[in-house]
Every structure is written in structure tokens, then in C-alpha cells.
Amino acid sequence: MKRYITAIGLIAAITTHAQDRSAYFNVNLGGGAHTLKYDLQNGSVKGGIGGTFNLDYSYFFNPSWGLSSGLGFYSAQAKGKLNYVSEMAAVDQDGDGYMFRTYFNDWEEKQKSVLLDIPLGIHYQRWFNGKNGILASVGLMVFIPISSSYKVTSGSLITAGYYEQWNVELRDLPQHGFSTITSRPSGSITLKPAYSAFADLGWIHKLTEQYDLYVGGYFSYGFNNLISVDKDDVYQSDGTYSSMLASSSTDKVKLFTVGLKLGVRLHAGHRKKTSEIVVPVAVDTTSYEPEFTVQPIVNIEPMSVEIVEEAKVEPEPVVSIADTVVKSQEIAKQIDLKFPLNSDVPLNDEFDNPFKELAKTLIANPTLKVRIKGHTCNIASREYNLTVGLARAEVGKAKLMEMGVPESQIILESKAFDEPLVPNTSEENRAKNRRIEMIIEQH
């Protein structure tokens, strides 16, 4: 006996099953408030601006969630101004003690730093229509200072010596170190690495199949102090000048950034997680004798099943399973199961009917398997639609398993928009292409 069985079903559903893995290279350029944040005793501090340039790699283990890391550069700065009189005990060349005084008048110093950043973040993305979506990131970042410096930009500094024993203050004696400082000191600063938490939130727009545009905001806040504990006065009696950041006038220095970022994402590829696909092969069933009896099934809608019994006089030629696939594609046009976009709830009330007859056939015939192909329209990228197609096939699998079909008899496959039923030239046609196709195969 020979048996040719063909069944086709059409279902459309968009879900968020974690079946597709994607990778991206990201290039970002941004800027905003990048501040070396500190409190200055007897003075005031203004935050500065800076920029950032980042290169990173992100890997999404499903359409929504992923991890990223990379390298980047940040610039940060701040500006401090002193208006006070400092005092420190000193001894002159005659052995007399006195108080070395320094008068700071609008003494302004600017600090700058360039840092290498190494982020480790968690990403969440969500597409709204295949073209636009949101991308959010949180994580930790290490900033390694590459170069840090200071420069005095304005103000005056006057030094004097106060002798309490005589109640006199000496000025304008350069030979004794009491004078008006007219130079603008500058130099380098030693900073420790910064450890920060960061968060990004932005909008992604698909430019092409390979490139996405990203526009968003970013924020980071440092946890640790970037300067050493032991510090000297800003200006000392021997003429040594220390930056405000390296002086006793500053307690803690932390890194703070907030700004806007513009970038491009390059799709680095994807890996689709699918079940094993069985290739149709030619099968000779002339000597096949079933261990059970199957009642003939005639004129089932939306499936068509044909059982042909032949006299064993002359063997028929070998029949390829591929031939039944061609027939099923012709029958597929008769099925009317439609679903709205972004929904797995059918528009008609006969959602279960195609599955009931198919489930009965599969349960009664353990040697048969059903291949469920998920199809989509051409909205969004092929990468995205591969995920959608497989998710739709999963819906058909779940429905059959609910009706008792073993998982071992079900094969899943995603075709995305590679095999449209009709051209994707209108919304009506695209709705017809959002479907699944079920094909019974003899194994």
C-alpha cells in the first residue's frame, strides 16, 4: 500500500520568543556636562563640559535583551575659584617664627582630564514597527585617566609674613618670599581610576538592513574618590604651587557625566536557533505494510487527505515527498485563517478546526511528522522576520501539542518573507503572507 498525505494550515502571530541571536558594532559620539565634581573650601566650583567617543560590541541573546562591552574616550573638566587667606607656620632665616600668609583674590584654576572608559552593560531594545524602537542600557564603567592637568587662568595671589610677636605683617619683600605672584602656574595632576554606574536611553531607527541610527542621552556617576588623602596647601612658603585638586582645600573628587549621544549600529550578524530541519527525500513505499488501519479521510477543509489503495500487480514508480509539497502549496490558497499584525489571536472563530483533523492524523500515524513553516510579510528586516516566523511556527506547535501530538513529530522552520504566498504589494496581500504552513511528511 502507498500513502500520500498532505495538510496545509495558515496562521499569523507575532510574539517575543527568544529564538534569534544578534550582534552589533556600535560607534557613538556625544557630549555634555562632564565634570570633575568636588567641593572647594573657601571657594566655589563650576562644572565643565566634555565629549565622548565610543566603540563597542553588543550581543543580543534574544530580540530584547543583550550584553555589551567596548572602549571609549571621555574628556572632563572643572573650574575652581579661591577668595580667602591661608596661613601656615614657618621660620625665617634668622630663626624667628611667623605665619606665612597667602591672599587669594579671584584666583581661578581650570582642571582637565582625558580618560579611557571600559563599560560593561545590559541592553534592552524594543521595536515598535520594525523601523523604530527604543534602546536602554545600564551597567558599570571603569575610567582610566590618560592625562590630567591644571592651569591658572585669572586672579591674583599675594604672599606676606605675619610676626605675632611684633604684631606686624611684612609684604613686598621678594628676597624673603613676600611678593605678588604674577605667573600663571600649570602642571599635571595624578588621578586614580574612576568606577561609575551608567545609564543610557535612546531611540533607534533602521536606516538600511545593515545600519541603525541611534540618538539618545547618557548619564554616569562615580563612586570613588580620585585623589589621594595626604595633601599640601595650594601655595607653600617655599614657592611650591599645588593644584586645587591636589591641595588640602579639596576633600573628594568624583566623576559625573550627562549628555547627548549620536551613533550608528552595524549589524554584525545573527544566529537563528531552530529545530532540526529534515530534507525531503525520495521514499519507496511499495512494500510498506502498516501495523494499524487508517480510515480513509475525504474532503477535509482546510486540509486535503488522499489515500489510494492499489492492486499489487505492478509496483508504482518511486514518489518523492517533494511532490506533495508542491500540491500543498496549491491547496494553501483555499485556507482563510487571517491574523492582525502584532497579534496571535485569529480574526475568525475557526482557529482550532485545521488543527483538530491534523492532530488526529498525526496521533494515529506515529511515523508521520509535520513541518511547520513560519512566514511573514516584508515589513522590517529579514533578521527580525526570521524571529517572527519562528515564533509563529511555535504557536502552531503549541496548539498541536495541546491536542496530544508528541513534540517528536513536529519540525519547526522560519522562512521570514522569502516565500510569499502573494506579492507584498498591498496591506491586503501582506496580511495573506502572515501565516504558517503545515506539511505532513513520511519518515
Protein backbone atom coordinates (compact mmCIF):
# COMPACT_ATOMS: atom_id res chain seq x y z
CA MET A 1 0.00 0.00 0.00
CA LYS A 2 1.14 3.52 -0.67
CA ARG A 3 0.12 6.53 1.28
CA TYR A 4 0.23 10.19 0.20
CA ILE A 5 -0.95 12.63 2.87
CA THR A 6 -0.80 16.42 2.58
CA ALA A 7 -2.02 19.01 5.09
CA ILE A 8 -1.64 22.79 5.00
CA GLY A 9 -2.55 25.45 7.60
CA LEU A 10 -2.13 29.20 7.67
CA ILE A 11 -1.63 31.10 10.95
CA ALA A 12 -0.16 34.56 11.66
CA ALA A 13 1.14 35.69 15.04
CA ILE A 14 3.91 37.98 16.27
CA THR A 15 5.40 37.09 19.67
CA THR A 16 8.61 37.79 21.58
CA HIS A 17 10.03 34.26 21.79
CA ALA A 18 13.79 34.25 22.43
CA GLN A 19 14.81 32.48 19.25
CA ASP A 20 17.13 34.87 17.40
CA ARG A 21 20.56 35.99 18.47
CA SER A 22 22.01 39.19 17.01
CA ALA A 23 25.26 41.11 17.29
CA TYR A 24 26.10 44.75 16.57
CA PHE A 25 29.13 47.01 16.34
CA ASN A 26 28.32 50.45 17.74
CA VAL A 27 30.04 53.79 17.07
CA ASN A 28 28.89 56.73 19.21
CA LEU A 29 29.88 60.37 19.51
CA GLY A 30 28.48 62.63 22.22
CA GLY A 31 28.96 65.50 24.59
CA GLY A 32 27.53 67.34 27.56
CA ALA A 33 28.33 68.11 31.19
CA HIS A 34 31.48 66.11 32.01
CA THR A 35 32.55 67.33 35.42
CA LEU A 36 35.31 66.60 37.88
CA LYS A 37 32.92 67.09 40.79
CA TYR A 38 34.42 68.37 44.07
CA ASP A 39 33.80 70.80 46.93
CA LEU A 40 36.33 73.59 47.43
CA GLN A 41 36.87 75.02 50.90
CA ASN A 42 36.83 78.84 50.90
CA GLY A 43 35.93 78.91 47.24
CA SER A 44 33.48 77.91 44.53
CA VAL A 45 33.44 75.30 41.76
CA LYS A 46 31.85 75.28 38.32
CA GLY A 47 31.27 72.16 36.30
CA GLY A 48 32.72 71.76 32.84
CA ILE A 49 31.77 70.30 29.51
CA GLY A 50 33.36 67.44 27.64
CA GLY A 51 32.93 64.91 24.91
CA THR A 52 32.94 61.17 24.36
CA PHE A 53 33.75 58.75 21.57
CA ASN A 54 32.90 55.06 21.98
CA LEU A 55 33.35 51.82 20.07
CA ASP A 56 31.61 48.78 21.49
CA TYR A 57 30.19 45.39 20.63
CA SER A 58 26.75 44.23 21.75
CA TYR A 59 25.37 40.70 21.65
CA PHE A 60 21.63 40.06 21.94
CA PHE A 61 20.79 36.55 23.07
CA ASN A 62 17.13 37.21 22.21
CA PRO A 63 15.33 40.05 20.38
CA SER A 64 15.05 42.14 23.55
CA TRP A 65 18.00 41.51 25.88
CA GLY A 66 21.73 41.69 25.34
CA LEU A 67 25.16 42.47 26.77
CA SER A 68 27.84 44.89 25.59
CA SER A 69 31.39 46.00 26.21
CA GLY A 70 33.98 48.07 24.42
CA LEU A 71 36.36 51.02 24.65
CA GLY A 72 35.91 54.76 24.58
CA PHE A 73 37.35 58.13 25.47
CA TYR A 74 35.89 60.78 27.74
CA SER A 75 37.08 64.30 28.43
CA ALA A 76 36.07 66.07 31.65
CA GLN A 77 36.88 69.38 33.29
CA ALA A 78 36.05 71.77 36.12
CA LYS A 79 36.94 75.26 37.27
CA GLY A 80 37.62 76.40 40.85
CA LYS A 81 37.93 79.91 42.27
CA LEU A 82 39.50 80.89 45.65
CA ASN A 83 38.85 84.05 47.69
CA TYR A 84 40.43 83.68 51.13
CA VAL A 85 43.61 84.00 53.18
CA SER A 86 45.56 80.87 54.08
CA GLU A 87 48.09 80.62 56.92
CA MET A 88 50.85 78.16 57.72
CA ALA A 89 53.59 78.24 60.37
CA ALA A 90 57.12 78.99 59.11
CA VAL A 91 60.58 80.02 60.34
CA ASP A 92 62.68 82.72 58.67
CA GLN A 93 66.43 82.67 58.04
CA ASP A 94 67.07 84.33 61.42
CA GLY A 95 65.21 81.59 63.24
CA ASP A 96 62.18 83.72 64.05
CA GLY A 97 58.80 82.06 63.75
CA TYR A 98 56.00 83.64 61.78
CA MET A 99 52.80 82.83 59.90
CA PHE A 100 53.15 82.58 56.15
CA ARG A 101 50.03 84.14 54.65
CA THR A 102 48.67 83.76 51.11
CA TYR A 103 45.95 86.10 49.83
CA PHE A 104 43.85 84.55 47.04
CA ASN A 105 41.83 87.13 45.12
CA ASP A 106 39.54 85.60 42.47
CA TRP A 107 42.26 83.02 41.93
CA GLU A 108 40.80 80.80 39.20
CA GLU A 109 42.18 77.44 38.15
CA LYS A 110 40.92 75.11 35.39
CA GLN A 111 41.36 71.34 35.55
CA LYS A 112 41.08 68.94 32.59
CA SER A 113 41.29 65.19 32.25
CA VAL A 114 41.12 62.66 29.39
CA LEU A 115 40.08 59.16 30.38
CA LEU A 116 39.81 55.76 28.73
CA ASP A 117 36.49 54.10 29.56
CA ILE A 118 35.69 50.38 29.62
CA PRO A 119 31.94 49.71 30.00
CA LEU A 120 30.07 46.51 30.77
CA GLY A 121 26.34 46.92 30.23
CA ILE A 122 22.98 45.22 29.87
CA HIS A 123 20.82 46.29 26.90
CA TYR A 124 17.08 46.22 26.39
CA GLN A 125 15.60 47.04 22.98
CA ARG A 126 12.04 47.06 21.69
CA TRP A 127 10.92 47.64 18.11
CA PHE A 128 7.52 49.24 17.57
CA ASN A 129 7.04 48.78 13.84
CA GLY A 130 10.24 47.21 12.57
CA LYS A 131 11.68 50.64 11.73
CA ASN A 132 11.74 52.48 15.06
CA GLY A 133 12.30 51.42 18.63
CA ILE A 134 13.93 52.21 21.97
CA LEU A 135 17.27 51.07 23.34
CA ALA A 136 18.07 51.27 27.06
CA SER A 137 21.33 50.34 28.79
CA VAL A 138 22.57 50.13 32.36
CA GLY A 139 25.84 48.90 33.79
CA LEU A 140 29.23 49.68 35.26
CA MET A 141 32.13 51.57 33.76
CA VAL A 142 35.82 51.92 34.61
CA PHE A 143 37.51 55.22 33.70
CA ILE A 144 41.31 55.10 33.47
CA PRO A 145 42.95 58.57 33.46
CA ILE A 146 45.25 59.05 30.46
CA SER A 147 46.24 62.66 31.10
CA SER A 148 45.15 65.20 33.73
CA SER A 149 46.33 68.78 34.10
CA TYR A 150 45.60 72.16 35.63
CA LYS A 151 46.21 75.78 34.63
CA VAL A 152 45.58 79.04 36.47
CA THR A 153 43.62 81.35 34.19
CA SER A 154 42.97 84.55 36.23
CA GLY A 155 43.15 86.28 39.62
CA SER A 156 45.92 87.49 41.89
CA LEU A 157 47.98 85.88 44.64
CA ILE A 158 49.86 87.87 47.29
CA THR A 159 52.17 86.37 49.95
CA ALA A 160 53.09 88.01 53.26
CA GLY A 161 54.65 87.18 56.63
CA TYR A 162 52.88 87.90 59.90
CA TYR A 163 55.06 88.15 63.05
CA GLU A 164 52.76 87.82 66.00
CA GLN A 165 55.47 88.77 68.50
CA TRP A 166 55.70 92.19 66.92
CA ASN A 167 52.16 92.30 65.51
CA VAL A 168 53.48 93.22 62.09
CA GLU A 169 52.86 91.87 58.58
CA LEU A 170 55.61 92.16 56.01
CA ARG A 171 54.88 92.47 52.27
CA ASP A 172 56.72 93.31 49.05
CA LEU A 173 59.93 91.66 50.19
CA PRO A 174 60.71 89.22 47.37
CA GLN A 175 64.07 88.30 48.96
CA HIS A 176 62.10 86.88 51.89
CA GLY A 177 59.39 85.30 49.73
CA PHE A 178 56.79 88.01 50.28
CA SER A 179 55.56 89.32 46.92
CA THR A 180 52.73 89.46 44.37
CA ILE A 181 52.63 86.37 42.13
CA THR A 182 52.05 87.34 38.52
CA SER A 183 52.78 83.99 36.87
CA ARG A 184 50.05 81.50 35.88
CA PRO A 185 51.09 78.13 37.30
CA SER A 186 50.24 74.96 35.33
CA GLY A 187 51.14 71.30 35.54
CA SER A 188 49.90 67.74 35.71
CA ILE A 189 47.58 66.08 38.24
CA THR A 190 47.65 62.48 39.41
CA LEU A 191 44.16 60.92 39.49
CA LYS A 192 43.07 57.41 40.38
CA PRO A 193 40.82 55.27 38.14
CA ALA A 194 37.11 56.06 38.48
CA TYR A 195 34.41 53.43 38.98
CA SER A 196 30.99 54.58 37.84
CA ALA A 197 27.45 53.40 37.21
CA PHE A 198 25.95 54.44 33.89
CA ALA A 199 22.60 54.50 32.14
CA ASP A 200 21.68 55.26 28.50
CA LEU A 201 18.27 55.71 26.89
CA GLY A 202 17.72 56.43 23.23
CA TRP A 203 15.79 56.00 20.00
CA ILE A 204 16.86 53.60 17.25
CA HIS A 205 15.83 53.98 13.63
CA LYS A 206 16.57 51.42 10.92
CA LEU A 207 18.38 53.14 8.05
CA THR A 208 19.07 50.00 6.00
CA GLU A 209 19.17 46.26 6.54
CA GLN A 210 22.71 46.69 7.93
CA TYR A 211 22.68 50.06 9.71
CA ASP A 212 20.64 51.63 12.52
CA LEU A 213 20.75 55.25 13.67
CA TYR A 214 20.88 55.88 17.42
CA VAL A 215 20.03 59.15 19.21
CA GLY A 216 19.83 59.30 22.98
CA GLY A 217 21.01 60.54 26.33
CA TYR A 218 23.57 59.14 28.77
CA PHE A 219 24.44 59.51 32.44
CA SER A 220 27.22 58.25 34.71
CA TYR A 221 28.06 58.84 38.35
CA GLY A 222 31.35 57.93 40.03
CA PHE A 223 31.53 56.02 43.29
CA ASN A 224 35.10 56.61 44.43
CA ASN A 225 37.47 59.45 45.28
CA LEU A 226 40.02 60.18 42.53
CA ILE A 227 42.64 61.99 44.66
CA SER A 228 44.99 60.97 47.49
CA VAL A 229 44.28 61.74 51.13
CA ASP A 230 47.61 63.42 52.03
CA LYS A 231 47.65 66.91 50.52
CA ASP A 232 49.53 70.23 50.99
CA ASP A 233 48.35 73.84 50.90
CA VAL A 234 47.66 75.35 47.47
CA TYR A 235 50.68 77.69 47.82
CA GLN A 236 53.53 76.96 50.24
CA SER A 237 56.22 79.12 51.83
CA ASP A 238 58.97 77.64 49.62
CA GLY A 239 57.11 78.77 46.48
CA THR A 240 55.66 75.36 45.62
CA TYR A 241 52.23 75.51 43.97
CA SER A 242 49.81 72.57 44.18
CA SER A 243 46.68 72.28 42.12
CA MET A 244 43.42 72.87 43.95
CA LEU A 245 42.58 69.21 43.35
CA ALA A 246 45.84 68.11 44.98
CA SER A 247 45.57 70.50 47.94
CA SER A 248 44.05 70.44 51.41
CA SER A 249 41.28 72.74 50.10
CA THR A 250 39.68 69.76 48.32
CA ASP A 251 38.35 66.72 50.11
CA LYS A 252 36.94 64.43 47.40
CA VAL A 253 36.87 64.41 43.61
CA LYS A 254 34.34 62.28 41.70
CA LEU A 255 33.46 61.96 38.03
CA PHE A 256 30.00 62.96 36.81
CA THR A 257 28.75 62.97 33.20
CA VAL A 258 25.42 63.64 31.49
CA GLY A 259 24.85 64.42 27.84
CA LEU A 260 23.50 63.50 24.41
CA LYS A 261 24.87 60.89 22.06
CA LEU A 262 24.57 60.19 18.32
CA GLY A 263 25.65 56.87 16.89
CA VAL A 264 25.39 54.17 14.25
CA ARG A 265 24.85 50.44 14.77
CA LEU A 266 26.24 47.95 12.27
CA HIS A 267 24.55 44.56 12.21
CA ALA A 268 27.37 42.06 12.71
CA GLY A 269 25.19 39.03 12.00
CA HIS A 270 22.76 36.75 13.70
CA ARG A 271 22.37 33.13 14.63
CA LYS A 272 18.95 31.56 14.43
CA LYS A 273 18.05 28.92 16.99
CA THR A 274 15.83 26.42 15.22
CA SER A 275 14.84 22.79 15.43
CA GLU A 276 16.42 20.23 13.12
CA ILE A 277 15.24 20.56 9.53
CA VAL A 278 14.64 17.31 7.61
CA VAL A 279 15.26 17.50 3.85
CA PRO A 280 12.59 15.75 1.72
CA VAL A 281 13.93 12.58 0.09
CA ALA A 282 12.53 10.01 -2.30
CA VAL A 283 10.82 7.14 -0.47
CA ASP A 284 9.76 3.82 -1.99
CA THR A 285 6.61 2.66 -0.21
CA THR A 286 5.57 -0.23 -2.49
CA SER A 287 6.31 -2.82 0.18
CA TYR A 288 5.04 -0.83 3.12
CA GLU A 289 2.59 -2.72 5.31
CA PRO A 290 1.05 -0.69 8.18
CA GLU A 291 0.68 -2.10 11.67
CA PHE A 292 -2.67 -0.38 12.06
CA THR A 293 -5.69 0.52 9.97
CA VAL A 294 -6.39 4.13 8.93
CA GLN A 295 -9.88 5.06 7.87
CA PRO A 296 -9.95 6.96 4.60
CA ILE A 297 -10.33 10.72 5.10
CA VAL A 298 -12.05 12.57 2.26
CA ASN A 299 -12.73 16.28 1.59
CA ILE A 300 -11.50 17.75 4.86
CA GLU A 301 -11.38 21.53 4.95
CA PRO A 302 -8.96 23.26 5.26
CA MET A 303 -6.86 20.09 4.78
CA SER A 304 -6.94 17.62 1.93
CA VAL A 305 -6.04 13.98 2.60
CA GLU A 306 -5.98 11.32 -0.10
CA ILE A 307 -5.43 7.61 0.47
CA VAL A 308 -5.01 5.45 -2.65
CA GLU A 309 -5.10 1.65 -2.46
CA GLU A 310 -3.62 -0.17 -5.42
CA ALA A 311 -3.54 -3.78 -6.51
CA LYS A 312 -0.18 -5.37 -6.04
CA VAL A 313 0.15 -6.34 -9.69
CA GLU A 314 2.84 -3.98 -10.84
CA PRO A 315 4.85 -1.70 -8.49
CA GLU A 316 4.35 2.02 -8.95
CA PRO A 317 7.34 4.30 -9.57
CA VAL A 318 9.10 5.89 -6.58
CA VAL A 319 7.30 9.03 -5.34
CA SER A 320 9.18 12.00 -3.85
CA ILE A 321 7.86 13.78 -0.77
CA ALA A 322 8.78 16.99 -2.57
CA ASP A 323 5.88 16.32 -4.94
CA THR A 324 3.41 16.52 -2.05
CA VAL A 325 4.89 19.86 -1.01
CA VAL A 326 4.04 21.30 -4.41
CA LYS A 327 0.46 20.09 -4.11
CA SER A 328 0.14 21.55 -0.63
CA GLN A 329 1.21 24.95 -1.87
CA GLU A 330 -1.70 24.88 -4.31
CA ILE A 331 -4.18 23.89 -1.57
CA ALA A 332 -2.89 26.62 0.72
CA LYS A 333 -4.81 29.25 -1.27
CA GLN A 334 -8.12 27.73 -0.14
CA ILE A 335 -7.45 28.31 3.58
CA ASP A 336 -8.72 31.50 5.16
CA LEU A 337 -7.06 31.98 8.55
CA LYS A 338 -6.03 35.62 8.98
CA PHE A 339 -4.48 37.43 11.93
CA PRO A 340 -3.87 41.09 12.60
CA LEU A 341 -0.34 42.43 12.74
CA ASN A 342 1.37 42.01 16.12
CA SER A 343 -1.25 39.55 17.35
CA ASP A 344 -1.62 35.78 17.73
CA VAL A 345 -5.42 35.93 18.07
CA PRO A 346 -7.15 34.90 14.82
CA LEU A 347 -9.71 37.18 13.23
CA ASN A 348 -12.14 34.28 12.60
CA ASP A 349 -13.68 31.85 15.09
CA GLU A 350 -12.48 28.64 13.45
CA PHE A 351 -8.96 28.75 14.82
CA ASP A 352 -8.91 25.15 16.12
CA ASN A 353 -10.55 23.41 13.16
CA PRO A 354 -7.44 22.94 10.95
CA PHE A 355 -5.51 21.56 13.93
CA LYS A 356 -8.10 19.04 15.13
CA GLU A 357 -8.07 16.93 11.96
CA LEU A 358 -4.30 17.25 11.63
CA ALA A 359 -3.76 16.21 15.26
CA LYS A 360 -5.95 13.11 14.79
CA THR A 361 -3.95 12.08 11.73
CA LEU A 362 -0.57 12.55 13.45
CA ILE A 363 -1.61 10.72 16.61
CA ALA A 364 -2.92 7.78 14.59
CA ASN A 365 0.25 7.67 12.46
CA PRO A 366 3.39 7.91 14.67
CA THR A 367 5.69 7.58 11.63
CA LEU A 368 4.42 10.84 10.20
CA LYS A 369 5.86 14.23 11.03
CA VAL A 370 4.52 17.71 10.38
CA ARG A 371 6.81 20.51 9.22
CA ILE A 372 5.52 23.90 10.40
CA LYS A 373 6.91 26.80 8.36
CA GLY A 374 6.52 30.33 9.68
CA HIS A 375 6.04 33.08 7.07
CA THR A 376 5.90 36.89 7.32
CA CYS A 377 5.26 39.91 5.16
CA ASN A 378 8.13 42.19 4.11
CA ILE A 379 7.78 44.81 6.87
CA ALA A 380 11.07 45.18 8.86
CA SER A 381 14.38 43.42 8.30
CA ARG A 382 14.89 39.80 7.36
CA GLU A 383 16.70 39.25 10.65
CA TYR A 384 13.68 40.47 12.60
CA ASN A 385 11.26 38.49 10.44
CA LEU A 386 13.23 35.27 10.92
CA THR A 387 12.44 35.64 14.61
CA VAL A 388 8.79 36.42 13.91
CA GLY A 389 8.40 33.49 11.51
CA LEU A 390 9.82 31.04 14.02
CA ALA A 391 7.62 32.46 16.76
CA ARG A 392 4.56 31.89 14.56
CA ALA A 393 5.63 28.30 13.95
CA GLU A 394 5.93 27.92 17.74
CA VAL A 395 2.25 28.90 18.05
CA GLY A 396 1.26 26.06 15.72
CA LYS A 397 3.47 23.64 17.65
CA ALA A 398 1.89 24.65 20.97
CA LYS A 399 -1.62 24.17 19.56
CA LEU A 400 -0.83 20.66 18.23
CA MET A 401 0.84 19.62 21.49
CA GLU A 402 -2.23 20.79 23.41
CA MET A 403 -4.23 18.31 21.30
CA GLY A 404 -1.89 15.44 22.14
CA VAL A 405 0.65 15.44 19.31
CA PRO A 406 4.14 14.42 20.58
CA GLU A 407 6.84 17.04 20.19
CA SER A 408 9.00 14.48 18.33
CA GLN A 409 6.53 14.61 15.39
CA ILE A 410 6.87 18.40 14.93
CA ILE A 411 9.60 20.19 12.93
CA LEU A 412 9.86 23.99 13.02
CA GLU A 413 11.24 26.25 10.29
CA SER A 414 11.21 30.01 9.68
CA LYS A 415 11.04 31.37 6.13
CA ALA A 416 10.60 35.05 7.03
CA PHE A 417 9.47 36.82 3.83
CA ASP A 418 11.43 34.53 1.47
CA GLU A 419 8.38 32.58 0.23
CA PRO A 420 5.38 34.95 -0.04
CA LEU A 421 2.02 33.46 -0.96
CA VAL A 422 1.23 36.63 -2.93
CA PRO A 423 3.39 39.70 -3.76
CA ASN A 424 3.84 42.10 -0.84
CA THR A 425 2.40 45.00 -2.83
CA SER A 426 -0.51 45.94 -0.55
CA GLU A 427 -1.66 45.58 3.03
CA GLU A 428 -4.25 43.03 1.90
CA ASN A 429 -1.53 40.88 0.35
CA ARG A 430 0.80 41.31 3.30
CA ALA A 431 -1.97 40.07 5.60
CA LYS A 432 -2.21 36.89 3.49
CA ASN A 433 1.53 36.34 3.76
CA ARG A 434 1.50 36.49 7.56
CA ARG A 435 0.83 32.80 8.06
CA ILE A 436 2.17 29.38 8.86
CA GLU A 437 2.28 26.40 6.54
CA MET A 438 1.94 22.83 7.79
CA ILE A 439 3.17 19.96 5.65
CA ILE A 440 2.92 16.28 6.61
CA GLU A 441 5.99 14.19 5.79
CA GLN A 442 6.58 10.43 5.84
CA HIS A 443 9.67 9.38 7.85
